[in-house]
């Protein structure tokens, strides 16, 4: 991941190297995708209602929905995901935020969009619920080109699925492609006067992976199961709650790889809002969202 370790490490901030005392953790109890992505976007861990990866409409309001409810940002917020559950995580219809995910074609009138739509129908994915990331990033890039957007969420998926399949080589190559795609996006943003010098980038992951062996590395998540004696236990994979986080942009001081500081996944949404000069307001009646990572926001 040369972009992460050169540009971001040089001009931004990296959190999550536990060898340097920088810990990144999820706060939800389940350590798998829907709860993790919802935590990123809502700033809360709703452990009572978000208990699976099923296609259930998120009862909580994401930062996308919150922004889209403001006159200054309405119609300037979009989401793109490789996993086909994202329309439910964002609660697309209620939020009024366009979400292009899974194998959905993108509505656009450019030649590149037409090519991507055609290829998406022709190029097989290894998985039935996750498309290849090139389409997700390609559609997001076209949306950013079409008009000035204020907030774009892009969720790539290949690393997780190749890992579940046990293909470490494909996992490593997918991480390299993701890094290159983000680098290309960042370089383009610096050339477009609508975004140059006024755009912040936050990169993170929805969960970690098991860290004890190759077999546990393939897995993550805490799921109840019935043992041979009829009792119930919970599967656990050590390390799967560990995440990392990166910040880059004109409003983030350059600190490089941070040591001795802890961040949690529920801090992403509040920090994203702070980078936009806003104070995130959570709509949940019971759970409080995470705090802003103050060191990532220039005063």
C-alpha atoms as a PDB file:
ATOM      1  CA  UNK A   1       0.000   0.000   0.000  1.00  0.00           C
ATOM      2  CA  UNK A   2       2.515   2.643  -1.155  1.00  0.00           C
ATOM      3  CA  UNK A   3       0.034   5.544  -1.148  1.00  0.00           C
ATOM      4  CA  UNK A   4      -0.878   4.860   2.474  1.00  0.00           C
ATOM      5  CA  UNK A   5       2.746   4.609   3.555  1.00  0.00           C
ATOM      6  CA  UNK A   6       4.022   7.550   1.525  1.00  0.00           C
ATOM      7  CA  UNK A   7       1.433  10.274   0.953  1.00  0.00           C
ATOM      8  CA  UNK A   8      -0.848   9.545   3.921  1.00  0.00           C
ATOM      9  CA  UNK A   9       1.992   8.709   6.306  1.00  0.00           C
ATOM     10  CA  UNK A  10       3.821  11.832   5.175  1.00  0.00           C
ATOM     11  CA  UNK A  11       1.029  14.385   4.972  1.00  0.00           C
ATOM     12  CA  UNK A  12      -1.757  12.892   7.085  1.00  0.00           C
ATOM     13  CA  UNK A  13      -2.319  10.639  10.090  1.00  0.00           C
ATOM     14  CA  UNK A  14      -2.369   6.850  10.600  1.00  0.00           C
ATOM     15  CA  UNK A  15      -3.841   5.120  13.650  1.00  0.00           C
ATOM     16  CA  UNK A  16      -3.861   1.457  14.617  1.00  0.00           C
ATOM     17  CA  UNK A  17      -0.260   0.237  14.975  1.00  0.00           C
ATOM     18  CA  UNK A  18      -0.583  -1.598  18.270  1.00  0.00           C
ATOM     19  CA  UNK A  19       3.182  -2.115  18.412  1.00  0.00           C
ATOM     20  CA  UNK A  20       3.388   1.663  18.851  1.00  0.00           C
ATOM     21  CA  UNK A  21       0.603   1.800  21.401  1.00  0.00           C
ATOM     22  CA  UNK A  22      -1.895   3.131  18.869  1.00  0.00           C
ATOM     23  CA  UNK A  23      -5.012   1.006  19.163  1.00  0.00           C
ATOM     24  CA  UNK A  24      -7.997   1.045  16.855  1.00  0.00           C
ATOM     25  CA  UNK A  25     -11.099  -0.873  17.907  1.00  0.00           C
ATOM     26  CA  UNK A  26     -14.724  -1.415  17.005  1.00  0.00           C
ATOM     27  CA  UNK A  27     -17.235  -0.761  19.778  1.00  0.00           C
ATOM     28  CA  UNK A  28     -20.001  -3.088  18.557  1.00  0.00           C
ATOM     29  CA  UNK A  29     -19.985  -6.564  20.047  1.00  0.00           C
ATOM     30  CA  UNK A  30     -20.331  -8.545  16.823  1.00  0.00           C
ATOM     31  CA  UNK A  31     -17.221  -7.736  14.756  1.00  0.00           C
ATOM     32  CA  UNK A  32     -18.794  -8.334  11.360  1.00  0.00           C
ATOM     33  CA  UNK A  33     -19.903  -6.148   8.484  1.00  0.00           C
ATOM     34  CA  UNK A  34     -23.392  -4.687   8.949  1.00  0.00           C
ATOM     35  CA  UNK A  35     -22.793  -3.626  12.585  1.00  0.00           C
ATOM     36  CA  UNK A  36     -19.340  -2.325  11.625  1.00  0.00           C
ATOM     37  CA  UNK A  37     -20.448  -0.286   8.627  1.00  0.00           C
ATOM     38  CA  UNK A  38     -23.389   1.089  10.580  1.00  0.00           C
ATOM     39  CA  UNK A  39     -21.028   2.088  13.391  1.00  0.00           C
ATOM     40  CA  UNK A  40     -18.841   3.933  10.888  1.00  0.00           C
ATOM     41  CA  UNK A  41     -21.775   5.849   9.439  1.00  0.00           C
ATOM     42  CA  UNK A  42     -23.918   6.463  12.520  1.00  0.00           C
ATOM     43  CA  UNK A  43     -21.311   6.836  15.247  1.00  0.00           C
ATOM     44  CA  UNK A  44     -23.095   4.330  17.488  1.00  0.00           C
ATOM     45  CA  UNK A  45     -23.021   0.581  18.134  1.00  0.00           C
ATOM     46  CA  UNK A  46     -26.634  -0.619  18.161  1.00  0.00           C
ATOM     47  CA  UNK A  47     -26.021  -4.067  19.635  1.00  0.00           C
ATOM     48  CA  UNK A  48     -29.678  -4.715  20.399  1.00  0.00           C
ATOM     49  CA  UNK A  49     -31.078  -4.274  16.891  1.00  0.00           C
ATOM     50  CA  UNK A  50     -28.197  -4.746  14.452  1.00  0.00           C
ATOM     51  CA  UNK A  51     -27.320  -8.368  15.085  1.00  0.00           C
ATOM     52  CA  UNK A  52     -26.771  -9.843  11.601  1.00  0.00           C
ATOM     53  CA  UNK A  53     -25.771  -9.127   8.006  1.00  0.00           C
ATOM     54  CA  UNK A  54     -29.356  -9.522   6.829  1.00  0.00           C
ATOM     55  CA  UNK A  55     -30.922  -6.973   4.505  1.00  0.00           C
ATOM     56  CA  UNK A  56     -32.801  -5.069   7.173  1.00  0.00           C
ATOM     57  CA  UNK A  57     -33.372  -1.318   6.975  1.00  0.00           C
ATOM     58  CA  UNK A  58     -31.135   0.489   9.426  1.00  0.00           C
ATOM     59  CA  UNK A  59     -33.289   2.084  12.139  1.00  0.00           C
ATOM     60  CA  UNK A  60     -30.510   4.588  12.853  1.00  0.00           C
ATOM     61  CA  UNK A  61     -29.721   7.719  10.895  1.00  0.00           C
ATOM     62  CA  UNK A  62     -26.332   7.811   9.163  1.00  0.00           C
ATOM     63  CA  UNK A  63     -24.206  10.884   8.625  1.00  0.00           C
ATOM     64  CA  UNK A  64     -25.266  10.741   4.966  1.00  0.00           C
ATOM     65  CA  UNK A  65     -28.936  11.055   5.890  1.00  0.00           C
ATOM     66  CA  UNK A  66     -28.136  13.749   8.445  1.00  0.00           C
ATOM     67  CA  UNK A  67     -26.241  15.827   5.884  1.00  0.00           C
ATOM     68  CA  UNK A  68     -28.832  15.294   3.183  1.00  0.00           C
ATOM     69  CA  UNK A  69     -31.440  16.739   5.538  1.00  0.00           C
ATOM     70  CA  UNK A  70     -29.657  20.108   5.494  1.00  0.00           C
ATOM     71  CA  UNK A  71     -30.526  22.537   2.687  1.00  0.00           C
ATOM     72  CA  UNK A  72     -26.829  23.255   2.017  1.00  0.00           C
ATOM     73  CA  UNK A  73     -26.042  19.579   1.384  1.00  0.00           C
ATOM     74  CA  UNK A  74     -29.298  18.158   0.034  1.00  0.00           C
ATOM     75  CA  UNK A  75     -28.698  16.301  -3.212  1.00  0.00           C
ATOM     76  CA  UNK A  76     -24.923  16.556  -2.747  1.00  0.00           C
ATOM     77  CA  UNK A  77     -24.463  13.279  -0.872  1.00  0.00           C
ATOM     78  CA  UNK A  78     -24.004   9.838  -2.462  1.00  0.00           C
ATOM     79  CA  UNK A  79     -22.800   6.359  -1.504  1.00  0.00           C
ATOM     80  CA  UNK A  80     -21.158   3.552  -3.473  1.00  0.00           C
ATOM     81  CA  UNK A  81     -20.541   0.045  -2.194  1.00  0.00           C
ATOM     82  CA  UNK A  82     -19.380  -3.274  -3.564  1.00  0.00           C
ATOM     83  CA  UNK A  83     -21.643  -5.195  -1.126  1.00  0.00           C
ATOM     84  CA  UNK A  84     -25.328  -5.283  -2.000  1.00  0.00           C
ATOM     85  CA  UNK A  85     -26.454  -4.619   1.587  1.00  0.00           C
ATOM     86  CA  UNK A  86     -25.458  -0.943   1.569  1.00  0.00           C
ATOM     87  CA  UNK A  87     -28.861   0.393   0.435  1.00  0.00           C
ATOM     88  CA  UNK A  88     -30.219  -1.092   3.665  1.00  0.00           C
ATOM     89  CA  UNK A  89     -27.376   0.130   5.878  1.00  0.00           C
ATOM     90  CA  UNK A  90     -27.882   3.684   4.597  1.00  0.00           C
ATOM     91  CA  UNK A  91     -31.668   3.167   4.484  1.00  0.00           C
ATOM     92  CA  UNK A  92     -31.651   4.671   1.011  1.00  0.00           C
ATOM     93  CA  UNK A  93     -35.329   5.505   0.544  1.00  0.00           C
ATOM     94  CA  UNK A  94     -35.819   7.116   3.951  1.00  0.00           C
ATOM     95  CA  UNK A  95     -32.489   8.952   3.755  1.00  0.00           C
ATOM     96  CA  UNK A  96     -33.101  10.262   0.246  1.00  0.00           C
ATOM     97  CA  UNK A  97     -29.454   9.458  -0.512  1.00  0.00           C
ATOM     98  CA  UNK A  98     -28.608   7.619  -3.756  1.00  0.00           C
ATOM     99  CA  UNK A  99     -26.792   4.355  -3.003  1.00  0.00           C
ATOM    100  CA  UNK A 100     -25.237   2.389  -5.842  1.00  0.00           C
ATOM    101  CA  UNK A 101     -24.202  -1.045  -4.591  1.00  0.00           C
ATOM    102  CA  UNK A 102     -23.953  -4.715  -5.455  1.00  0.00           C
ATOM    103  CA  UNK A 103     -24.516  -5.342  -9.144  1.00  0.00           C
ATOM    104  CA  UNK A 104     -26.701  -2.298  -9.682  1.00  0.00           C
ATOM    105  CA  UNK A 105     -26.032  -0.291 -12.833  1.00  0.00           C
ATOM    106  CA  UNK A 106     -25.302   3.393 -12.353  1.00  0.00           C
ATOM    107  CA  UNK A 107     -27.496   6.037 -13.900  1.00  0.00           C
ATOM    108  CA  UNK A 108     -25.254   8.417 -15.793  1.00  0.00           C
ATOM    109  CA  UNK A 109     -24.949   9.799 -19.294  1.00  0.00           C
ATOM    110  CA  UNK A 110     -21.178   9.588 -19.757  1.00  0.00           C
ATOM    111  CA  UNK A 111     -19.401   7.182 -22.065  1.00  0.00           C
ATOM    112  CA  UNK A 112     -17.442   5.733 -19.159  1.00  0.00           C
ATOM    113  CA  UNK A 113     -20.606   4.987 -17.176  1.00  0.00           C
ATOM    114  CA  UNK A 114     -22.034   3.174 -20.197  1.00  0.00           C
ATOM    115  CA  UNK A 115     -18.853   1.094 -20.499  1.00  0.00           C
ATOM    116  CA  UNK A 116     -18.826   0.264 -16.771  1.00  0.00           C
ATOM    117  CA  UNK A 117     -22.482  -0.771 -16.865  1.00  0.00           C
ATOM    118  CA  UNK A 118     -21.856  -3.014 -19.862  1.00  0.00           C
ATOM    119  CA  UNK A 119     -18.760  -4.598 -18.346  1.00  0.00           C
ATOM    120  CA  UNK A 120     -20.474  -5.175 -15.017  1.00  0.00           C
ATOM    121  CA  UNK A 121     -22.981  -7.386 -16.814  1.00  0.00           C
ATOM    122  CA  UNK A 122     -20.241  -9.267 -18.643  1.00  0.00           C
ATOM    123  CA  UNK A 123     -17.460  -9.674 -16.073  1.00  0.00           C
ATOM    124  CA  UNK A 124     -18.248 -12.371 -13.494  1.00  0.00           C
ATOM    125  CA  UNK A 125     -17.666 -11.737  -9.811  1.00  0.00           C
ATOM    126  CA  UNK A 126     -16.426 -14.571  -7.569  1.00  0.00           C
ATOM    127  CA  UNK A 127     -19.275 -13.771  -5.171  1.00  0.00           C
ATOM    128  CA  UNK A 128     -23.045 -13.513  -5.429  1.00  0.00           C
ATOM    129  CA  UNK A 129     -23.480 -10.421  -3.219  1.00  0.00           C
ATOM    130  CA  UNK A 130     -20.264  -8.456  -3.851  1.00  0.00           C
ATOM    131  CA  UNK A 131     -19.112  -6.945  -7.142  1.00  0.00           C
ATOM    132  CA  UNK A 132     -15.532  -6.184  -8.062  1.00  0.00           C
ATOM    133  CA  UNK A 133     -14.217  -2.943  -6.579  1.00  0.00           C
ATOM    134  CA  UNK A 134     -13.222  -1.405  -9.919  1.00  0.00           C
ATOM    135  CA  UNK A 135     -16.900  -0.854 -10.663  1.00  0.00           C
ATOM    136  CA  UNK A 136     -17.602   0.713  -7.275  1.00  0.00           C
ATOM    137  CA  UNK A 137     -14.703   3.146  -7.528  1.00  0.00           C
ATOM    138  CA  UNK A 138     -15.389   3.781 -11.212  1.00  0.00           C
ATOM    139  CA  UNK A 139     -18.985   4.815 -10.552  1.00  0.00           C
ATOM    140  CA  UNK A 140     -17.921   6.998  -7.622  1.00  0.00           C
ATOM    141  CA  UNK A 141     -15.333   8.775  -9.771  1.00  0.00           C
ATOM    142  CA  UNK A 142     -17.940   9.468 -12.455  1.00  0.00           C
ATOM    143  CA  UNK A 143     -20.346  10.880  -9.869  1.00  0.00           C
ATOM    144  CA  UNK A 144     -17.670  13.220  -8.548  1.00  0.00           C
ATOM    145  CA  UNK A 145     -16.884  14.362 -12.080  1.00  0.00           C
ATOM    146  CA  UNK A 146     -20.532  14.939 -12.987  1.00  0.00           C
ATOM    147  CA  UNK A 147     -21.170  17.571 -10.342  1.00  0.00           C
ATOM    148  CA  UNK A 148     -19.660  18.908  -7.153  1.00  0.00           C
ATOM    149  CA  UNK A 149     -20.580  16.609  -4.282  1.00  0.00           C
ATOM    150  CA  UNK A 150     -20.086  17.484  -0.634  1.00  0.00           C
ATOM    151  CA  UNK A 151     -19.913  13.998   0.872  1.00  0.00           C
ATOM    152  CA  UNK A 152     -19.197  10.678  -0.851  1.00  0.00           C
ATOM    153  CA  UNK A 153     -18.990   7.314   0.887  1.00  0.00           C
ATOM    154  CA  UNK A 154     -17.105   4.569  -0.977  1.00  0.00           C
ATOM    155  CA  UNK A 155     -16.992   1.014   0.429  1.00  0.00           C
ATOM    156  CA  UNK A 156     -14.710  -1.535  -1.234  1.00  0.00           C
ATOM    157  CA  UNK A 157     -15.122  -5.232  -0.550  1.00  0.00           C
ATOM    158  CA  UNK A 158     -12.596  -7.487  -2.287  1.00  0.00           C
ATOM    159  CA  UNK A 159     -10.122  -7.796   0.583  1.00  0.00           C
ATOM    160  CA  UNK A 160     -12.724  -9.176   2.977  1.00  0.00           C
ATOM    161  CA  UNK A 161     -14.163 -11.705   0.545  1.00  0.00           C
ATOM    162  CA  UNK A 162     -10.824 -12.975  -0.741  1.00  0.00           C
ATOM    163  CA  UNK A 163      -9.793 -13.407   2.894  1.00  0.00           C
ATOM    164  CA  UNK A 164     -12.935 -15.395   3.694  1.00  0.00           C
ATOM    165  CA  UNK A 165     -12.066 -17.622   0.740  1.00  0.00           C
ATOM    166  CA  UNK A 166      -8.574 -18.145   2.183  1.00  0.00           C
ATOM    167  CA  UNK A 167      -6.739 -16.641  -0.790  1.00  0.00           C
ATOM    168  CA  UNK A 168      -4.007 -14.581   0.846  1.00  0.00           C
ATOM    169  CA  UNK A 169      -2.361 -13.785  -2.489  1.00  0.00           C
ATOM    170  CA  UNK A 170      -5.605 -12.365  -3.884  1.00  0.00           C
ATOM    171  CA  UNK A 171      -6.202 -10.537  -0.588  1.00  0.00           C
ATOM    172  CA  UNK A 172      -2.797  -8.838  -0.814  1.00  0.00           C
ATOM    173  CA  UNK A 173      -3.308  -7.910  -4.456  1.00  0.00           C
ATOM    174  CA  UNK A 174      -6.768  -6.519  -3.681  1.00  0.00           C
ATOM    175  CA  UNK A 175      -5.280  -4.343  -0.937  1.00  0.00           C
ATOM    176  CA  UNK A 176      -2.692  -3.084  -3.416  1.00  0.00           C
ATOM    177  CA  UNK A 177      -5.394  -2.296  -5.995  1.00  0.00           C
ATOM    178  CA  UNK A 178      -7.449  -0.483  -3.352  1.00  0.00           C
ATOM    179  CA  UNK A 179      -4.448   1.622  -2.402  1.00  0.00           C
ATOM    180  CA  UNK A 180      -3.842   2.458  -6.074  1.00  0.00           C
ATOM    181  CA  UNK A 181      -7.506   3.348  -6.630  1.00  0.00           C
ATOM    182  CA  UNK A 182      -7.499   5.680  -3.628  1.00  0.00           C
ATOM    183  CA  UNK A 183      -4.214   7.227  -4.785  1.00  0.00           C
ATOM    184  CA  UNK A 184      -5.669   7.874  -8.243  1.00  0.00           C
ATOM    185  CA  UNK A 185      -8.799   9.373  -6.723  1.00  0.00           C
ATOM    186  CA  UNK A 186      -6.748  11.651  -4.484  1.00  0.00           C
ATOM    187  CA  UNK A 187      -4.536  12.789  -7.352  1.00  0.00           C
ATOM    188  CA  UNK A 188      -7.578  13.610  -9.472  1.00  0.00           C
ATOM    189  CA  UNK A 189      -9.224  15.536  -6.622  1.00  0.00           C
ATOM    190  CA  UNK A 190      -6.143  17.748  -6.414  1.00  0.00           C
ATOM    191  CA  UNK A 191      -6.527  18.670 -10.092  1.00  0.00           C
ATOM    192  CA  UNK A 192     -10.211  19.564  -9.993  1.00  0.00           C
ATOM    193  CA  UNK A 193     -10.826  23.133  -8.742  1.00  0.00           C
ATOM    194  CA  UNK A 194     -14.107  22.039  -7.145  1.00  0.00           C
ATOM    195  CA  UNK A 195     -12.245  19.747  -4.733  1.00  0.00           C
ATOM    196  CA  UNK A 196      -8.576  20.732  -4.704  1.00  0.00           C
ATOM    197  CA  UNK A 197      -7.350  22.002  -1.345  1.00  0.00           C
ATOM    198  CA  UNK A 198     -10.773  21.621   0.269  1.00  0.00           C
ATOM    199  CA  UNK A 199     -11.339  17.853   0.391  1.00  0.00           C
ATOM    200  CA  UNK A 200     -10.615  15.498   3.291  1.00  0.00           C
ATOM    201  CA  UNK A 201     -10.130  11.750   3.006  1.00  0.00           C
ATOM    202  CA  UNK A 202     -10.910   9.235   5.764  1.00  0.00           C
ATOM    203  CA  UNK A 203      -9.972   5.586   5.262  1.00  0.00           C
ATOM    204  CA  UNK A 204     -10.919   2.805   7.673  1.00  0.00           C
ATOM    205  CA  UNK A 205     -12.256  -0.740   7.853  1.00  0.00           C
ATOM    206  CA  UNK A 206     -15.422  -2.213   9.343  1.00  0.00           C
ATOM    207  CA  UNK A 207     -13.690  -4.912  11.410  1.00  0.00           C
ATOM    208  CA  UNK A 208     -10.462  -6.846  11.812  1.00  0.00           C
ATOM    209  CA  UNK A 209      -9.626 -10.505  11.221  1.00  0.00           C
ATOM    210  CA  UNK A 210      -8.614 -13.448  13.357  1.00  0.00           C
ATOM    211  CA  UNK A 211      -4.887 -13.274  14.036  1.00  0.00           C
ATOM    212  CA  UNK A 212      -3.874 -16.602  15.583  1.00  0.00           C
ATOM    213  CA  UNK A 213      -3.362 -18.679  12.435  1.00  0.00           C
ATOM    214  CA  UNK A 214      -4.174 -18.779   8.730  1.00  0.00           C
ATOM    215  CA  UNK A 215      -7.388 -20.623   9.503  1.00  0.00           C
ATOM    216  CA  UNK A 216      -8.615 -17.995  11.971  1.00  0.00           C
ATOM    217  CA  UNK A 217      -7.337 -15.209   9.688  1.00  0.00           C
ATOM    218  CA  UNK A 218     -10.006 -16.269   7.206  1.00  0.00           C
ATOM    219  CA  UNK A 219     -12.736 -15.449   9.698  1.00  0.00           C
ATOM    220  CA  UNK A 220     -14.121 -12.800  12.001  1.00  0.00           C
ATOM    221  CA  UNK A 221     -17.257 -12.117  13.977  1.00  0.00           C
ATOM    222  CA  UNK A 222     -18.956 -13.295  17.126  1.00  0.00           C
ATOM    223  CA  UNK A 223     -21.825 -15.672  16.465  1.00  0.00           C
ATOM    224  CA  UNK A 224     -23.784 -17.840  18.926  1.00  0.00           C
ATOM    225  CA  UNK A 225     -23.731 -21.561  18.153  1.00  0.00           C
ATOM    226  CA  UNK A 226     -24.867 -24.804  19.786  1.00  0.00           C
ATOM    227  CA  UNK A 227     -22.147 -27.103  21.111  1.00  0.00           C
ATOM    228  CA  UNK A 228     -22.285 -30.899  20.981  1.00  0.00           C
ATOM    229  CA  UNK A 229     -23.508 -31.020  24.581  1.00  0.00           C
ATOM    230  CA  UNK A 230     -26.448 -28.770  23.691  1.00  0.00           C
ATOM    231  CA  UNK A 231     -25.141 -25.658  25.416  1.00  0.00           C
ATOM    232  CA  UNK A 232     -24.752 -22.333  23.615  1.00  0.00           C
ATOM    233  CA  UNK A 233     -21.396 -20.664  23.065  1.00  0.00           C
ATOM    234  CA  UNK A 234     -20.127 -17.703  21.081  1.00  0.00           C
ATOM    235  CA  UNK A 235     -17.490 -18.062  18.386  1.00  0.00           C
ATOM    236  CA  UNK A 236     -14.606 -15.640  18.825  1.00  0.00           C
ATOM    237  CA  UNK A 237     -11.591 -14.839  16.673  1.00  0.00           C
ATOM    238  CA  UNK A 238      -8.859 -12.980  18.510  1.00  0.00           C
ATOM    239  CA  UNK A 239      -7.974  -9.753  16.721  1.00  0.00           C
ATOM    240  CA  UNK A 240     -11.179  -9.340  14.732  1.00  0.00           C
ATOM    241  CA  UNK A 241     -12.187  -6.220  16.623  1.00  0.00           C
ATOM    242  CA  UNK A 242      -8.952  -4.408  15.759  1.00  0.00           C
ATOM    243  CA  UNK A 243      -9.164  -1.764  13.028  1.00  0.00           C
ATOM    244  CA  UNK A 244      -7.006   1.021  11.605  1.00  0.00           C
ATOM    245  CA  UNK A 245      -7.805   4.543  10.475  1.00  0.00           C
ATOM    246  CA  UNK A 246      -6.195   7.146   8.207  1.00  0.00           C
ATOM    247  CA  UNK A 247      -6.818  10.857   7.618  1.00  0.00           C
ATOM    248  CA  UNK A 248      -5.556  13.094   4.841  1.00  0.00           C
ATOM    249  CA  UNK A 249      -6.527  16.606   3.836  1.00  0.00           C
ATOM    250  CA  UNK A 250      -6.020  20.323   4.383  1.00  0.00           C
ATOM    251  CA  UNK A 251      -7.812  20.286   7.748  1.00  0.00           C
ATOM    252  CA  UNK A 252      -5.765  17.417   9.229  1.00  0.00           C
ATOM    253  CA  UNK A 253      -2.318  18.210  10.710  1.00  0.00           C
ATOM    254  CA  UNK A 254       0.489  16.023   9.345  1.00  0.00           C
ATOM    255  CA  UNK A 255       1.464  13.698  12.203  1.00  0.00           C
ATOM    256  CA  UNK A 256       2.306  10.554  10.270  1.00  0.00           C
ATOM    257  CA  UNK A 257       2.010   7.247  12.080  1.00  0.00           C
ATOM    258  CA  UNK A 258       0.563   8.144  15.451  1.00  0.00           C
ATOM    259  CA  UNK A 259       1.852   6.440  18.609  1.00  0.00           C
ATOM    260  CA  UNK A 260       0.180   5.961  21.973  1.00  0.00           C
ATOM    261  CA  UNK A 261      -3.335   7.082  21.012  1.00  0.00           C
ATOM    262  CA  UNK A 262      -6.529   5.043  20.806  1.00  0.00           C
ATOM    263  CA  UNK A 263      -9.335   5.505  18.282  1.00  0.00           C
ATOM    264  CA  UNK A 264     -12.642   3.702  17.907  1.00  0.00           C
ATOM    265  CA  UNK A 265     -14.886   3.097  14.926  1.00  0.00           C
ATOM    266  CA  UNK A 266     -17.752   5.139  16.387  1.00  0.00           C
ATOM    267  CA  UNK A 267     -15.574   8.257  16.123  1.00  0.00           C
ATOM    268  CA  UNK A 268     -15.525   8.282  12.307  1.00  0.00           C
ATOM    269  CA  UNK A 269     -18.866  10.032  11.684  1.00  0.00           C
ATOM    270  CA  UNK A 270     -18.381  12.768  14.305  1.00  0.00           C
ATOM    271  CA  UNK A 271     -14.848  13.411  13.033  1.00  0.00           C
ATOM    272  CA  UNK A 272     -16.022  13.542   9.422  1.00  0.00           C
ATOM    273  CA  UNK A 273     -18.591  16.149  10.417  1.00  0.00           C
ATOM    274  CA  UNK A 274     -15.961  18.140  12.318  1.00  0.00           C
ATOM    275  CA  UNK A 275     -13.750  18.185   9.210  1.00  0.00           C
ATOM    276  CA  UNK A 276     -16.703  19.826   7.439  1.00  0.00           C
ATOM    277  CA  UNK A 277     -17.013  22.407  10.208  1.00  0.00           C
ATOM    278  CA  UNK A 278     -20.144  20.751  11.620  1.00  0.00           C
ATOM    279  CA  UNK A 279     -21.154  19.127  14.897  1.00  0.00           C
ATOM    280  CA  UNK A 280     -22.654  15.694  14.348  1.00  0.00           C
ATOM    281  CA  UNK A 281     -26.040  15.247  15.976  1.00  0.00           C
ATOM    282  CA  UNK A 282     -27.140  11.694  16.600  1.00  0.00           C
ATOM    283  CA  UNK A 283     -30.823  10.852  16.327  1.00  0.00           C
ATOM    284  CA  UNK A 284     -30.647   7.847  18.629  1.00  0.00           C
ATOM    285  CA  UNK A 285     -32.579   8.297  21.847  1.00  0.00           C
ATOM    286  CA  UNK A 286     -30.447   6.039  24.031  1.00  0.00           C
ATOM    287  CA  UNK A 287     -26.944   5.517  22.667  1.00  0.00           C
ATOM    288  CA  UNK A 288     -24.373   8.303  22.510  1.00  0.00           C
ATOM    289  CA  UNK A 289     -22.122   8.537  19.473  1.00  0.00           C
ATOM    290  CA  UNK A 290     -18.337   8.554  19.661  1.00  0.00           C
ATOM    291  CA  UNK A 291     -16.290  11.657  20.263  1.00  0.00           C
ATOM    292  CA  UNK A 292     -14.460  13.647  17.604  1.00  0.00           C
ATOM    293  CA  UNK A 293     -10.817  12.643  17.116  1.00  0.00           C
ATOM    294  CA  UNK A 294      -9.630  16.131  17.933  1.00  0.00           C
ATOM    295  CA  UNK A 295      -6.032  15.562  16.851  1.00  0.00           C
ATOM    296  CA  UNK A 296      -7.245  14.817  13.302  1.00  0.00           C
ATOM    297  CA  UNK A 297      -8.992  18.171  12.945  1.00  0.00           C
ATOM    298  CA  UNK A 298      -6.979  21.353  12.563  1.00  0.00           C
ATOM    299  CA  UNK A 299      -8.058  24.093  14.951  1.00  0.00           C
END
